[in-house]
C-alpha atoms as a PDB file:
ATOM      1  CA  MET A   1     -62.047 -46.728 -60.370  1.00  0.00           C
ATOM      2  CA  SER A   2     -58.703 -48.593 -60.640  1.00  0.00           C
ATOM      3  CA  LEU A   3     -59.786 -52.179 -61.649  1.00  0.00           C
ATOM      4  CA  LYS A   4     -56.767 -53.907 -63.417  1.00  0.00           C
ATOM      5  CA  LEU A   5     -58.351 -54.701 -66.966  1.00  0.00           C
ATOM      6  CA  GLY A   6     -56.535 -57.338 -68.822  1.00  0.00           C
ATOM      7  CA  ALA A   7     -56.591 -60.864 -70.490  1.00  0.00           C
ATOM      8  CA  TYR A   8     -56.011 -64.701 -69.906  1.00  0.00           C
ATOM      9  CA  THR A   9     -53.289 -65.484 -72.730  1.00  0.00           C
ATOM     10  CA  ALA A  10     -54.809 -68.897 -73.339  1.00  0.00           C
ATOM     11  CA  CYS A  11     -56.506 -67.695 -76.264  1.00  0.00           C
ATOM     12  CA  LEU A  12     -53.148 -66.773 -77.781  1.00  0.00           C
ATOM     13  CA  HIS A  13     -51.571 -70.008 -76.701  1.00  0.00           C
ATOM     14  CA  ASP A  14     -49.685 -70.589 -80.246  1.00  0.00           C
ATOM     15  CA  ARG A  15     -48.117 -67.054 -79.764  1.00  0.00           C
ATOM     16  CA  PRO A  16     -44.774 -66.467 -78.026  1.00  0.00           C
ATOM     17  CA  LEU A  17     -45.251 -64.906 -74.695  1.00  0.00           C
ATOM     18  CA  ALA A  18     -43.717 -61.566 -75.943  1.00  0.00           C
ATOM     19  CA  GLU A  19     -46.002 -61.440 -78.697  1.00  0.00           C
ATOM     20  CA  ALA A  20     -49.095 -62.288 -76.754  1.00  0.00           C
ATOM     21  CA  LEU A  21     -48.210 -59.425 -74.372  1.00  0.00           C
ATOM     22  CA  ASP A  22     -47.897 -56.942 -77.186  1.00  0.00           C
ATOM     23  CA  ILE A  23     -51.297 -57.838 -78.486  1.00  0.00           C
ATOM     24  CA  LEU A  24     -52.750 -57.250 -75.209  1.00  0.00           C
ATOM     25  CA  ARG A  25     -51.039 -53.974 -74.850  1.00  0.00           C
ATOM     26  CA  GLU A  26     -52.266 -52.878 -78.352  1.00  0.00           C
ATOM     27  CA  ASN A  27     -55.820 -53.461 -77.001  1.00  0.00           C
ATOM     28  CA  GLY A  28     -55.113 -51.139 -73.862  1.00  0.00           C
ATOM     29  CA  LEU A  29     -54.715 -54.193 -71.338  1.00  0.00           C
ATOM     30  CA  ALA A  30     -52.348 -54.149 -68.714  1.00  0.00           C
ATOM     31  CA  SER A  31     -53.270 -57.208 -66.466  1.00  0.00           C
ATOM     32  CA  VAL A  32     -52.084 -60.545 -67.405  1.00  0.00           C
ATOM     33  CA  GLU A  33     -52.983 -64.116 -66.228  1.00  0.00           C
ATOM     34  CA  VAL A  34     -51.355 -67.101 -67.734  1.00  0.00           C
ATOM     35  CA  ASN A  35     -51.713 -70.888 -67.733  1.00  0.00           C
ATOM     36  CA  THR A  36     -49.519 -73.264 -65.591  1.00  0.00           C
ATOM     37  CA  GLY A  37     -50.997 -76.515 -65.939  1.00  0.00           C
ATOM     38  CA  GLY A  38     -54.050 -78.528 -65.283  1.00  0.00           C
ATOM     39  CA  PHE A  39     -56.295 -79.179 -68.273  1.00  0.00           C
ATOM     40  CA  ILE A  40     -54.086 -77.215 -70.762  1.00  0.00           C
ATOM     41  CA  PRO A  41     -50.148 -76.797 -71.233  1.00  0.00           C
ATOM     42  CA  SER A  42     -48.504 -73.624 -70.221  1.00  0.00           C
ATOM     43  CA  PRO A  43     -46.704 -72.157 -73.150  1.00  0.00           C
ATOM     44  CA  HIS A  44     -46.449 -68.830 -71.496  1.00  0.00           C
ATOM     45  CA  CYS A  45     -45.124 -69.933 -68.164  1.00  0.00           C
ATOM     46  CA  PRO A  46     -41.811 -72.177 -68.113  1.00  0.00           C
ATOM     47  CA  VAL A  47     -42.903 -73.489 -64.621  1.00  0.00           C
ATOM     48  CA  ASP A  48     -40.150 -75.850 -63.975  1.00  0.00           C
ATOM     49  CA  LEU A  49     -37.543 -73.302 -64.773  1.00  0.00           C
ATOM     50  CA  LEU A  50     -39.140 -70.528 -62.891  1.00  0.00           C
ATOM     51  CA  LEU A  51     -39.511 -72.612 -59.697  1.00  0.00           C
ATOM     52  CA  SER A  52     -35.706 -73.622 -59.820  1.00  0.00           C
ATOM     53  CA  SER A  53     -34.115 -70.131 -60.936  1.00  0.00           C
ATOM     54  CA  ALA A  54     -34.376 -66.606 -59.034  1.00  0.00           C
ATOM     55  CA  ALA A  55     -32.748 -65.237 -62.355  1.00  0.00           C
ATOM     56  CA  ALA A  56     -35.149 -66.561 -64.577  1.00  0.00           C
ATOM     57  CA  ARG A  57     -38.046 -65.208 -62.412  1.00  0.00           C
ATOM     58  CA  GLU A  58     -36.468 -61.883 -62.724  1.00  0.00           C
ATOM     59  CA  GLU A  59     -36.192 -61.961 -66.271  1.00  0.00           C
ATOM     60  CA  TYR A  60     -39.614 -63.444 -66.697  1.00  0.00           C
ATOM     61  CA  LEU A  61     -41.317 -60.623 -64.673  1.00  0.00           C
ATOM     62  CA  ALA A  62     -39.332 -58.151 -66.620  1.00  0.00           C
ATOM     63  CA  ALA A  63     -41.013 -59.204 -69.623  1.00  0.00           C
ATOM     64  CA  PHE A  64     -44.283 -57.772 -68.247  1.00  0.00           C
ATOM     65  CA  ALA A  65     -42.680 -54.831 -66.407  1.00  0.00           C
ATOM     66  CA  GLU A  66     -40.948 -53.331 -69.413  1.00  0.00           C
ATOM     67  CA  ARG A  67     -44.306 -53.140 -71.213  1.00  0.00           C
ATOM     68  CA  GLY A  68     -46.072 -51.412 -68.199  1.00  0.00           C
ATOM     69  CA  MET A  69     -47.948 -54.518 -67.481  1.00  0.00           C
ATOM     70  CA  GLU A  70     -48.521 -56.747 -64.475  1.00  0.00           C
ATOM     71  CA  LEU A  71     -48.828 -60.532 -63.865  1.00  0.00           C
ATOM     72  CA  THR A  72     -52.052 -60.718 -61.990  1.00  0.00           C
ATOM     73  CA  GLY A  73     -52.780 -64.467 -61.902  1.00  0.00           C
ATOM     74  CA  LEU A  74     -51.614 -67.906 -62.648  1.00  0.00           C
ATOM     75  CA  ASN A  75     -54.365 -70.129 -63.986  1.00  0.00           C
ATOM     76  CA  CYS A  76     -54.399 -73.885 -63.018  1.00  0.00           C
ATOM     77  CA  ASN A  77     -57.747 -75.037 -63.917  1.00  0.00           C
ATOM     78  CA  GLY A  78     -58.197 -78.719 -63.845  1.00  0.00           C
ATOM     79  CA  ASN A  79     -59.889 -81.368 -61.708  1.00  0.00           C
ATOM     80  CA  PRO A  80     -57.597 -82.293 -58.871  1.00  0.00           C
ATOM     81  CA  LEU A  81     -60.089 -84.510 -57.273  1.00  0.00           C
ATOM     82  CA  ASN A  82     -60.585 -86.688 -60.368  1.00  0.00           C
ATOM     83  CA  PRO A  83     -60.244 -90.470 -59.221  1.00  0.00           C
ATOM     84  CA  LEU A  84     -58.534 -91.152 -62.546  1.00  0.00           C
ATOM     85  CA  PRO A  85     -54.818 -91.957 -61.679  1.00  0.00           C
ATOM     86  CA  GLY A  86     -53.577 -89.925 -64.673  1.00  0.00           C
ATOM     87  CA  VAL A  87     -55.726 -86.866 -64.124  1.00  0.00           C
ATOM     88  CA  GLY A  88     -56.531 -86.175 -60.658  1.00  0.00           C
ATOM     89  CA  PRO A  89     -53.056 -86.489 -58.912  1.00  0.00           C
ATOM     90  CA  LYS A  90     -51.461 -84.571 -61.860  1.00  0.00           C
ATOM     91  CA  HIS A  91     -53.790 -81.620 -61.677  1.00  0.00           C
ATOM     92  CA  ALA A  92     -53.304 -81.579 -57.893  1.00  0.00           C
ATOM     93  CA  ASP A  93     -49.768 -81.496 -58.202  1.00  0.00           C
ATOM     94  CA  ASP A  94     -49.967 -78.819 -60.690  1.00  0.00           C
ATOM     95  CA  LEU A  95     -51.932 -76.934 -58.323  1.00  0.00           C
ATOM     96  CA  ARG A  96     -49.341 -77.075 -55.641  1.00  0.00           C
ATOM     97  CA  ARG A  97     -46.597 -76.270 -57.871  1.00  0.00           C
ATOM     98  CA  THR A  98     -48.428 -73.151 -59.039  1.00  0.00           C
ATOM     99  CA  ILE A  99     -49.030 -71.941 -55.614  1.00  0.00           C
ATOM    100  CA  ARG A 100     -45.392 -72.283 -54.836  1.00  0.00           C
ATOM    101  CA  LEU A 101     -44.325 -70.196 -57.941  1.00  0.00           C
ATOM    102  CA  ALA A 102     -47.118 -67.783 -57.368  1.00  0.00           C
ATOM    103  CA  GLY A 103     -45.387 -67.050 -54.048  1.00  0.00           C
ATOM    104  CA  LEU A 104     -41.866 -66.778 -55.513  1.00  0.00           C
ATOM    105  CA  LEU A 105     -43.092 -64.540 -58.287  1.00  0.00           C
ATOM    106  CA  GLY A 106     -45.245 -62.327 -55.881  1.00  0.00           C
ATOM    107  CA  VAL A 107     -48.417 -63.155 -57.791  1.00  0.00           C
ATOM    108  CA  ARG A 108     -51.298 -62.994 -55.244  1.00  0.00           C
ATOM    109  CA  HIS A 109     -53.703 -65.046 -57.066  1.00  0.00           C
ATOM    110  CA  VAL A 110     -54.001 -68.430 -58.289  1.00  0.00           C
ATOM    111  CA  VAL A 111     -57.103 -69.548 -60.357  1.00  0.00           C
ATOM    112  CA  THR A 112     -58.507 -73.024 -60.321  1.00  0.00           C
ATOM    113  CA  MET A 113     -61.463 -75.063 -59.902  1.00  0.00           C
ATOM    114  CA  SER A 114     -62.565 -77.223 -57.029  1.00  0.00           C
ATOM    115  CA  GLY A 115     -62.652 -80.527 -58.735  1.00  0.00           C
ATOM    116  CA  THR A 116     -65.255 -83.392 -58.597  1.00  0.00           C
ATOM    117  CA  PRO A 117     -64.336 -86.686 -56.835  1.00  0.00           C
ATOM    118  CA  GLY A 118     -65.998 -90.053 -57.864  1.00  0.00           C
ATOM    119  CA  SER A 119     -69.197 -91.226 -56.326  1.00  0.00           C
ATOM    120  CA  ASP A 120     -67.554 -93.196 -53.486  1.00  0.00           C
ATOM    121  CA  PRO A 121     -64.066 -94.600 -52.562  1.00  0.00           C
ATOM    122  CA  ASP A 122     -64.199 -97.153 -55.449  1.00  0.00           C
ATOM    123  CA  ALA A 123     -65.361 -95.027 -58.104  1.00  0.00           C
ATOM    124  CA  LYS A 124     -63.282 -94.929 -61.361  1.00  0.00           C
ATOM    125  CA  TYR A 125     -64.544 -91.644 -62.914  1.00  0.00           C
ATOM    126  CA  PRO A 126     -65.783 -88.389 -61.403  1.00  0.00           C
ATOM    127  CA  SER A 127     -69.398 -88.050 -60.852  1.00  0.00           C
ATOM    128  CA  TRP A 128     -71.187 -84.722 -60.832  1.00  0.00           C
ATOM    129  CA  VAL A 129     -74.505 -84.622 -58.952  1.00  0.00           C
ATOM    130  CA  VAL A 130     -76.779 -81.957 -60.546  1.00  0.00           C
ATOM    131  CA  ASN A 131     -80.040 -82.388 -58.330  1.00  0.00           C
ATOM    132  CA  PRO A 132     -80.019 -84.804 -55.407  1.00  0.00           C
ATOM    133  CA  TRP A 133     -83.657 -85.228 -55.048  1.00  0.00           C
ATOM    134  CA  ASP A 134     -83.107 -89.057 -54.714  1.00  0.00           C
ATOM    135  CA  GLY A 135     -81.718 -89.633 -51.156  1.00  0.00           C
ATOM    136  CA  VAL A 136     -78.948 -91.867 -52.712  1.00  0.00           C
ATOM    137  CA  TYR A 137     -77.173 -88.891 -54.224  1.00  0.00           C
ATOM    138  CA  MET A 138     -77.036 -87.251 -50.695  1.00  0.00           C
ATOM    139  CA  ASP A 139     -74.750 -90.185 -49.760  1.00  0.00           C
ATOM    140  CA  VAL A 140     -72.738 -89.346 -52.937  1.00  0.00           C
ATOM    141  CA  LEU A 141     -72.622 -85.695 -52.181  1.00  0.00           C
ATOM    142  CA  ASP A 142     -71.510 -86.402 -48.263  1.00  0.00           C
ATOM    143  CA  TYR A 143     -68.662 -88.661 -49.470  1.00  0.00           C
ATOM    144  CA  GLN A 144     -67.553 -85.838 -52.249  1.00  0.00           C
ATOM    145  CA  TRP A 145     -67.640 -83.078 -49.717  1.00  0.00           C
ATOM    146  CA  ALA A 146     -65.679 -84.941 -47.105  1.00  0.00           C
ATOM    147  CA  VAL A 147     -62.819 -85.498 -49.976  1.00  0.00           C
ATOM    148  CA  ALA A 148     -63.183 -81.939 -51.082  1.00  0.00           C
ATOM    149  CA  VAL A 149     -62.880 -80.441 -47.598  1.00  0.00           C
ATOM    150  CA  GLU A 150     -60.048 -82.417 -46.586  1.00  0.00           C
ATOM    151  CA  PHE A 151     -58.063 -81.704 -49.805  1.00  0.00           C
ATOM    152  CA  TRP A 152     -58.831 -77.862 -49.664  1.00  0.00           C
ATOM    153  CA  LYS A 153     -57.735 -77.529 -46.056  1.00  0.00           C
ATOM    154  CA  GLU A 154     -54.125 -78.794 -47.356  1.00  0.00           C
ATOM    155  CA  ILE A 155     -54.575 -76.366 -50.398  1.00  0.00           C
ATOM    156  CA  ASP A 156     -55.336 -73.333 -48.213  1.00  0.00           C
ATOM    157  CA  ALA A 157     -52.681 -74.267 -45.633  1.00  0.00           C
ATOM    158  CA  LEU A 158     -50.226 -74.271 -48.649  1.00  0.00           C
ATOM    159  CA  ALA A 159     -51.565 -70.985 -50.130  1.00  0.00           C
ATOM    160  CA  ARG A 160     -51.080 -69.159 -46.732  1.00  0.00           C
ATOM    161  CA  GLU A 161     -47.621 -70.480 -46.202  1.00  0.00           C
ATOM    162  CA  ASN A 162     -46.847 -68.900 -49.678  1.00  0.00           C
ATOM    163  CA  GLY A 163     -48.649 -65.476 -49.225  1.00  0.00           C
ATOM    164  CA  VAL A 164     -51.086 -66.556 -52.034  1.00  0.00           C
ATOM    165  CA  ARG A 165     -54.889 -66.473 -52.516  1.00  0.00           C
ATOM    166  CA  VAL A 166     -56.542 -69.192 -54.429  1.00  0.00           C
ATOM    167  CA  ALA A 167     -59.678 -68.138 -56.509  1.00  0.00           C
ATOM    168  CA  ILE A 168     -62.026 -70.930 -57.372  1.00  0.00           C
ATOM    169  CA  GLU A 169     -63.942 -70.611 -60.801  1.00  0.00           C
ATOM    170  CA  MET A 170     -67.505 -71.661 -59.998  1.00  0.00           C
ATOM    171  CA  HIS A 171     -67.704 -74.012 -62.998  1.00  0.00           C
ATOM    172  CA  PRO A 172     -70.544 -76.707 -63.508  1.00  0.00           C
ATOM    173  CA  HIS A 173     -68.798 -80.346 -63.246  1.00  0.00           C
ATOM    174  CA  ASN A 174     -67.277 -79.215 -60.296  1.00  0.00           C
ATOM    175  CA  LEU A 175     -68.623 -79.530 -56.590  1.00  0.00           C
ATOM    176  CA  VAL A 176     -68.311 -76.008 -56.468  1.00  0.00           C
ATOM    177  CA  PHE A 177     -70.215 -74.421 -59.274  1.00  0.00           C
ATOM    178  CA  SER A 178     -72.056 -71.512 -57.660  1.00  0.00           C
ATOM    179  CA  PRO A 179     -71.881 -68.908 -54.763  1.00  0.00           C
ATOM    180  CA  VAL A 180     -73.689 -71.118 -52.351  1.00  0.00           C
ATOM    181  CA  THR A 181     -71.421 -74.196 -52.816  1.00  0.00           C
ATOM    182  CA  LEU A 182     -68.402 -71.917 -52.910  1.00  0.00           C
ATOM    183  CA  LYS A 183     -69.206 -70.497 -49.509  1.00  0.00           C
ATOM    184  CA  ARG A 184     -69.987 -73.877 -48.048  1.00  0.00           C
ATOM    185  CA  LEU A 185     -66.332 -75.146 -49.103  1.00  0.00           C
ATOM    186  CA  VAL A 186     -64.871 -71.971 -47.267  1.00  0.00           C
ATOM    187  CA  ASP A 187     -67.200 -72.339 -44.273  1.00  0.00           C
ATOM    188  CA  GLU A 188     -66.832 -76.313 -43.764  1.00  0.00           C
ATOM    189  CA  GLY A 189     -62.952 -76.048 -44.520  1.00  0.00           C
ATOM    190  CA  SER A 190     -62.525 -72.946 -42.283  1.00  0.00           C
ATOM    191  CA  LEU A 191     -60.606 -71.695 -45.211  1.00  0.00           C
ATOM    192  CA  THR A 192     -58.722 -68.292 -45.052  1.00  0.00           C
ATOM    193  CA  ASN A 193     -56.823 -68.198 -48.356  1.00  0.00           C
ATOM    194  CA  VAL A 194     -59.418 -69.473 -50.653  1.00  0.00           C
ATOM    195  CA  GLY A 195     -62.357 -67.731 -52.162  1.00  0.00           C
ATOM    196  CA  ALA A 196     -64.000 -67.199 -55.781  1.00  0.00           C
ATOM    197  CA  GLU A 197     -62.868 -66.215 -59.149  1.00  0.00           C
ATOM    198  CA  MET A 198     -65.842 -64.220 -60.400  1.00  0.00           C
ATOM    199  CA  ASP A 199     -66.062 -65.782 -63.990  1.00  0.00           C
ATOM    200  CA  PRO A 200     -69.798 -64.753 -64.736  1.00  0.00           C
ATOM    201  CA  SER A 201     -70.448 -66.851 -68.007  1.00  0.00           C
ATOM    202  CA  HIS A 202     -70.936 -70.184 -66.216  1.00  0.00           C
ATOM    203  CA  LEU A 203     -73.357 -68.321 -63.775  1.00  0.00           C
ATOM    204  CA  MET A 204     -75.222 -66.510 -66.642  1.00  0.00           C
ATOM    205  CA  TRP A 205     -76.217 -69.819 -68.342  1.00  0.00           C
ATOM    206  CA  GLN A 206     -77.411 -71.405 -65.119  1.00  0.00           C
ATOM    207  CA  GLY A 207     -79.765 -68.374 -64.688  1.00  0.00           C
ATOM    208  CA  MET A 208     -78.092 -66.272 -61.904  1.00  0.00           C
ATOM    209  CA  ASP A 209     -78.191 -62.770 -61.124  1.00  0.00           C
ATOM    210  CA  ILE A 210     -74.415 -61.840 -61.498  1.00  0.00           C
ATOM    211  CA  VAL A 211     -74.434 -58.648 -59.474  1.00  0.00           C
ATOM    212  CA  ALA A 212     -76.317 -60.290 -56.830  1.00  0.00           C
ATOM    213  CA  CYS A 213     -73.711 -63.128 -56.501  1.00  0.00           C
ATOM    214  CA  ILE A 214     -71.012 -60.677 -56.269  1.00  0.00           C
ATOM    215  CA  LYS A 215     -72.921 -58.746 -53.304  1.00  0.00           C
ATOM    216  CA  TRP A 216     -73.623 -61.930 -51.708  1.00  0.00           C
ATOM    217  CA  LEU A 217     -70.126 -63.326 -51.846  1.00  0.00           C
ATOM    218  CA  GLY A 218     -68.632 -59.970 -50.918  1.00  0.00           C
ATOM    219  CA  PRO A 219     -64.875 -60.135 -49.750  1.00  0.00           C
ATOM    220  CA  LEU A 220     -64.843 -63.754 -50.918  1.00  0.00           C
ATOM    221  CA  VAL A 221     -64.579 -62.413 -54.519  1.00  0.00           C
ATOM    222  CA  PHE A 222     -60.608 -62.415 -55.115  1.00  0.00           C
ATOM    223  CA  HIS A 223     -60.463 -62.026 -58.620  1.00  0.00           C
ATOM    224  CA  ALA A 224     -62.396 -61.773 -61.824  1.00  0.00           C
ATOM    225  CA  ALA A 225     -62.908 -62.850 -65.492  1.00  0.00           C
ATOM    226  CA  ALA A 226     -64.523 -60.941 -68.207  1.00  0.00           C
ATOM    227  CA  LYS A 227     -66.251 -63.826 -70.162  1.00  0.00           C
ATOM    228  CA  ASP A 228     -69.824 -63.512 -71.578  1.00  0.00           C
ATOM    229  CA  ALA A 229     -72.577 -66.207 -72.404  1.00  0.00           C
ATOM    230  CA  MET A 230     -75.795 -66.284 -74.231  1.00  0.00           C
ATOM    231  CA  LEU A 231     -78.771 -68.620 -74.237  1.00  0.00           C
ATOM    232  CA  CYS A 232     -79.655 -69.993 -77.655  1.00  0.00           C
ATOM    233  CA  PRO A 233     -82.795 -71.179 -79.424  1.00  0.00           C
ATOM    234  CA  GLY A 234     -81.643 -74.702 -78.619  1.00  0.00           C
ATOM    235  CA  ALA A 235     -82.746 -74.058 -74.937  1.00  0.00           C
ATOM    236  CA  ASP A 236     -86.311 -74.364 -76.030  1.00  0.00           C
ATOM    237  CA  ILE A 237     -85.948 -78.132 -76.598  1.00  0.00           C
ATOM    238  CA  ARG A 238     -82.651 -78.770 -74.574  1.00  0.00           C
ATOM    239  CA  GLY A 239     -82.893 -76.749 -71.429  1.00  0.00           C
ATOM    240  CA  VAL A 240     -79.248 -75.759 -70.038  1.00  0.00           C
ATOM    241  CA  LEU A 241     -78.477 -79.238 -68.781  1.00  0.00           C
ATOM    242  CA  ASP A 242     -77.627 -80.909 -71.954  1.00  0.00           C
ATOM    243  CA  THR A 243     -75.682 -83.867 -72.734  1.00  0.00           C
ATOM    244  CA  SER A 244     -76.030 -84.027 -76.690  1.00  0.00           C
ATOM    245  CA  PHE A 245     -72.278 -83.478 -77.345  1.00  0.00           C
ATOM    246  CA  THR A 246     -70.251 -85.459 -79.840  1.00  0.00           C
ATOM    247  CA  ARG A 247     -66.643 -86.933 -79.512  1.00  0.00           C
ATOM    248  CA  VAL A 248     -63.848 -85.232 -81.446  1.00  0.00           C
ATOM    249  CA  PRO A 249     -62.165 -87.500 -83.955  1.00  0.00           C
ATOM    250  CA  ALA A 250     -58.953 -88.976 -82.617  1.00  0.00           C
ATOM    251  CA  ASP A 251     -56.943 -87.476 -85.415  1.00  0.00           C
ATOM    252  CA  ALA A 252     -58.128 -84.014 -85.035  1.00  0.00           C
ATOM    253  CA  PRO A 253     -55.316 -81.541 -85.060  1.00  0.00           C
ATOM    254  CA  ASP A 254     -57.057 -79.115 -82.490  1.00  0.00           C
ATOM    255  CA  LYS A 255     -58.282 -81.320 -79.833  1.00  0.00           C
ATOM    256  CA  VAL A 256     -58.164 -79.682 -76.234  1.00  0.00           C
ATOM    257  CA  PRO A 257     -56.981 -81.968 -73.699  1.00  0.00           C
ATOM    258  CA  THR A 258     -58.620 -82.606 -70.244  1.00  0.00           C
ATOM    259  CA  GLY A 259     -56.368 -85.327 -68.968  1.00  0.00           C
ATOM    260  CA  TYR A 260     -54.340 -88.001 -70.433  1.00  0.00           C
ATOM    261  CA  GLY A 261     -56.504 -89.782 -73.300  1.00  0.00           C
ATOM    262  CA  PHE A 262     -59.348 -87.343 -72.609  1.00  0.00           C
ATOM    263  CA  TRP A 263     -60.424 -84.451 -74.733  1.00  0.00           C
ATOM    264  CA  CYS A 264     -63.159 -81.624 -75.126  1.00  0.00           C
ATOM    265  CA  ASN A 265     -65.976 -82.658 -77.094  1.00  0.00           C
ATOM    266  CA  SER A 266     -67.796 -81.038 -79.881  1.00  0.00           C
ATOM    267  CA  TRP A 267     -70.935 -78.936 -79.017  1.00  0.00           C
ATOM    268  CA  PRO A 268     -74.228 -79.576 -80.632  1.00  0.00           C
ATOM    269  CA  GLU A 269     -75.007 -77.480 -83.796  1.00  0.00           C
ATOM    270  CA  ASN A 270     -77.933 -75.876 -82.052  1.00  0.00           C
ATOM    271  CA  PRO A 271     -76.691 -75.437 -78.359  1.00  0.00           C
ATOM    272  CA  ALA A 272     -78.785 -74.476 -75.477  1.00  0.00           C
ATOM    273  CA  TRP A 273     -76.207 -71.682 -74.641  1.00  0.00           C
ATOM    274  CA  LYS A 274     -72.718 -70.602 -75.830  1.00  0.00           C
ATOM    275  CA  PHE A 275     -69.722 -68.423 -74.713  1.00  0.00           C
ATOM    276  CA  VAL A 276     -69.621 -65.174 -76.689  1.00  0.00           C
ATOM    277  CA  ALA A 277     -67.310 -62.138 -76.774  1.00  0.00           C
ATOM    278  CA  VAL A 278     -67.947 -59.547 -73.916  1.00  0.00           C
ATOM    279  CA  GLY A 279     -70.618 -57.445 -74.891  1.00  0.00           C
ATOM    280  CA  VAL A 280     -72.267 -59.848 -77.168  1.00  0.00           C
ATOM    281  CA  GLY A 281     -74.283 -61.660 -74.746  1.00  0.00           C
ATOM    282  CA  HIS A 282     -74.799 -58.827 -72.627  1.00  0.00           C
ATOM    283  CA  ASP A 283     -74.537 -55.046 -73.470  1.00  0.00           C
ATOM    284  CA  VAL A 284     -71.966 -52.681 -72.282  1.00  0.00           C
ATOM    285  CA  SER A 285     -74.415 -51.192 -69.570  1.00  0.00           C
ATOM    286  CA  TYR A 286     -74.658 -54.663 -67.976  1.00  0.00           C
ATOM    287  CA  TRP A 287     -70.783 -54.911 -67.764  1.00  0.00           C
ATOM    288  CA  THR A 288     -70.589 -51.444 -66.128  1.00  0.00           C
ATOM    289  CA  GLU A 289     -72.861 -52.864 -63.443  1.00  0.00           C
ATOM    290  CA  PHE A 290     -70.528 -55.913 -63.259  1.00  0.00           C
ATOM    291  CA  LEU A 291     -67.309 -53.792 -63.090  1.00  0.00           C
ATOM    292  CA  ARG A 292     -69.163 -51.554 -60.281  1.00  0.00           C
ATOM    293  CA  ALA A 293     -69.934 -54.399 -58.140  1.00  0.00           C
ATOM    294  CA  LEU A 294     -66.555 -55.748 -58.453  1.00  0.00           C
ATOM    295  CA  ALA A 295     -65.076 -52.580 -57.579  1.00  0.00           C
ATOM    296  CA  GLU A 296     -67.079 -52.353 -54.435  1.00  0.00           C
ATOM    297  CA  VAL A 297     -65.603 -55.397 -53.122  1.00  0.00           C
ATOM    298  CA  ASP A 298     -62.000 -54.390 -54.237  1.00  0.00           C
ATOM    299  CA  PRO A 299     -61.088 -51.448 -56.422  1.00  0.00           C
ATOM    300  CA  ASP A 300     -57.887 -52.783 -57.308  1.00  0.00           C
ATOM    301  CA  MET A 301     -59.186 -56.123 -58.406  1.00  0.00           C
ATOM    302  CA  ALA A 302     -57.994 -57.925 -61.627  1.00  0.00           C
ATOM    303  CA  VAL A 303     -60.536 -58.380 -64.319  1.00  0.00           C
ATOM    304  CA  ASN A 304     -59.228 -60.704 -67.152  1.00  0.00           C
ATOM    305  CA  ILE A 305     -60.715 -61.176 -70.448  1.00  0.00           C
ATOM    306  CA  GLU A 306     -61.133 -65.202 -71.379  1.00  0.00           C
ATOM    307  CA  HIS A 307     -62.082 -65.083 -75.141  1.00  0.00           C
ATOM    308  CA  GLU A 308     -63.619 -68.360 -76.193  1.00  0.00           C
ATOM    309  CA  ASP A 309     -66.093 -66.930 -78.885  1.00  0.00           C
ATOM    310  CA  ALA A 310     -65.823 -69.451 -81.842  1.00  0.00           C
ATOM    311  CA  ALA A 311     -67.376 -66.847 -84.157  1.00  0.00           C
ATOM    312  CA  TYR A 312     -64.262 -64.575 -83.996  1.00  0.00           C
ATOM    313  CA  SER A 313     -60.545 -65.188 -84.363  1.00  0.00           C
ATOM    314  CA  GLN A 314     -58.085 -65.166 -81.515  1.00  0.00           C
ATOM    315  CA  THR A 315     -57.349 -61.335 -81.858  1.00  0.00           C
ATOM    316  CA  GLU A 316     -60.573 -60.081 -83.317  1.00  0.00           C
ATOM    317  CA  GLY A 317     -62.575 -61.513 -80.264  1.00  0.00           C
ATOM    318  CA  LEU A 318     -59.949 -60.217 -77.901  1.00  0.00           C
ATOM    319  CA  ALA A 319     -60.143 -56.754 -79.376  1.00  0.00           C
ATOM    320  CA  LEU A 320     -63.940 -56.757 -79.372  1.00  0.00           C
ATOM    321  CA  ALA A 321     -63.979 -57.740 -75.783  1.00  0.00           C
ATOM    322  CA  ALA A 322     -61.427 -55.149 -74.916  1.00  0.00           C
ATOM    323  CA  LYS A 323     -63.245 -52.500 -76.668  1.00  0.00           C
ATOM    324  CA  ASN A 324     -66.339 -53.266 -74.780  1.00  0.00           C
ATOM    325  CA  LEU A 325     -64.866 -53.829 -71.316  1.00  0.00           C
ATOM    326  CA  HIS A 326     -62.957 -50.260 -71.753  1.00  0.00           C
ATOM    327  CA  ALA A 327     -66.370 -48.783 -72.619  1.00  0.00           C
ATOM    328  CA  ALA A 328     -68.102 -50.531 -69.617  1.00  0.00           C
ATOM    329  CA  ALA A 329     -65.159 -49.253 -67.301  1.00  0.00           C
ATOM    330  CA  ALA A 330     -65.543 -45.770 -68.679  1.00  0.00           C
ATOM    331  CA  ALA A 331     -69.181 -45.487 -67.253  1.00  0.00           C
ATOM    332  CA  VAL A 332     -68.430 -46.814 -63.929  1.00  0.00           C
END
């Protein structure tokens, strides 16, 4: 098996790129994914400079090559369909710029989210339909899918023009949040360069069988994340569709932006589910089957750790995830 094991460097956002790469290398990781816009800044990728200078691109890629590492993905997660004028247009522009940059850098994959439009042409805020048992929500979905398909046809053409494939993270709060919705987008848009980023964590807490998802999508799985999740006792009274989050204080120093004037919220103290380090929510044997299924689709696929376990520091959580991922790979 030659899967490329690595990490997404967002968890090391406060370190310079060189230091972040050294931390990954110390953990035996050779594949790297960096952020280029969308919800969060891009401290490890000077997008404007790299778009404008071939010399800068050569120097940038050398930082990976001299460590025996490969830049396998540019991550631009956001909501490019958000009707808020300070969010959607910026995220869409970030995505277009990221695709152009990926082409110039020779990076095959761009990771992003499908986005969620408003409920109708006059909507101010995005609206995620969870269960359209009431017929009015079918009207909402009809409108949203029309908007999404038109946008993604444009993105697909841009990706094709730049020799890039766009891997959509199937993330709740987006129109595409499951294998079924991912395939619907591809089919309705006749898309050729858009597929899935197999981040299992969001599918886990929705109750899906991850290996079955990989096998069902098959060649539409372009790229992967190693990110674990687990259900918690709070699910007994909350279920997994829980809205009891709270706002982060305006003066909090570590707020995570989602758009101009909007921030990630705080989780309840007894959540229904949470993100955990690889191997904490599901054991090593589970991850072996995950890697085996990915390798059957593409034996050279990049699988990048995304560390968001608040119980561990940046480096401790990354090290634990890397240890368990290596152990899983050794058993494939």
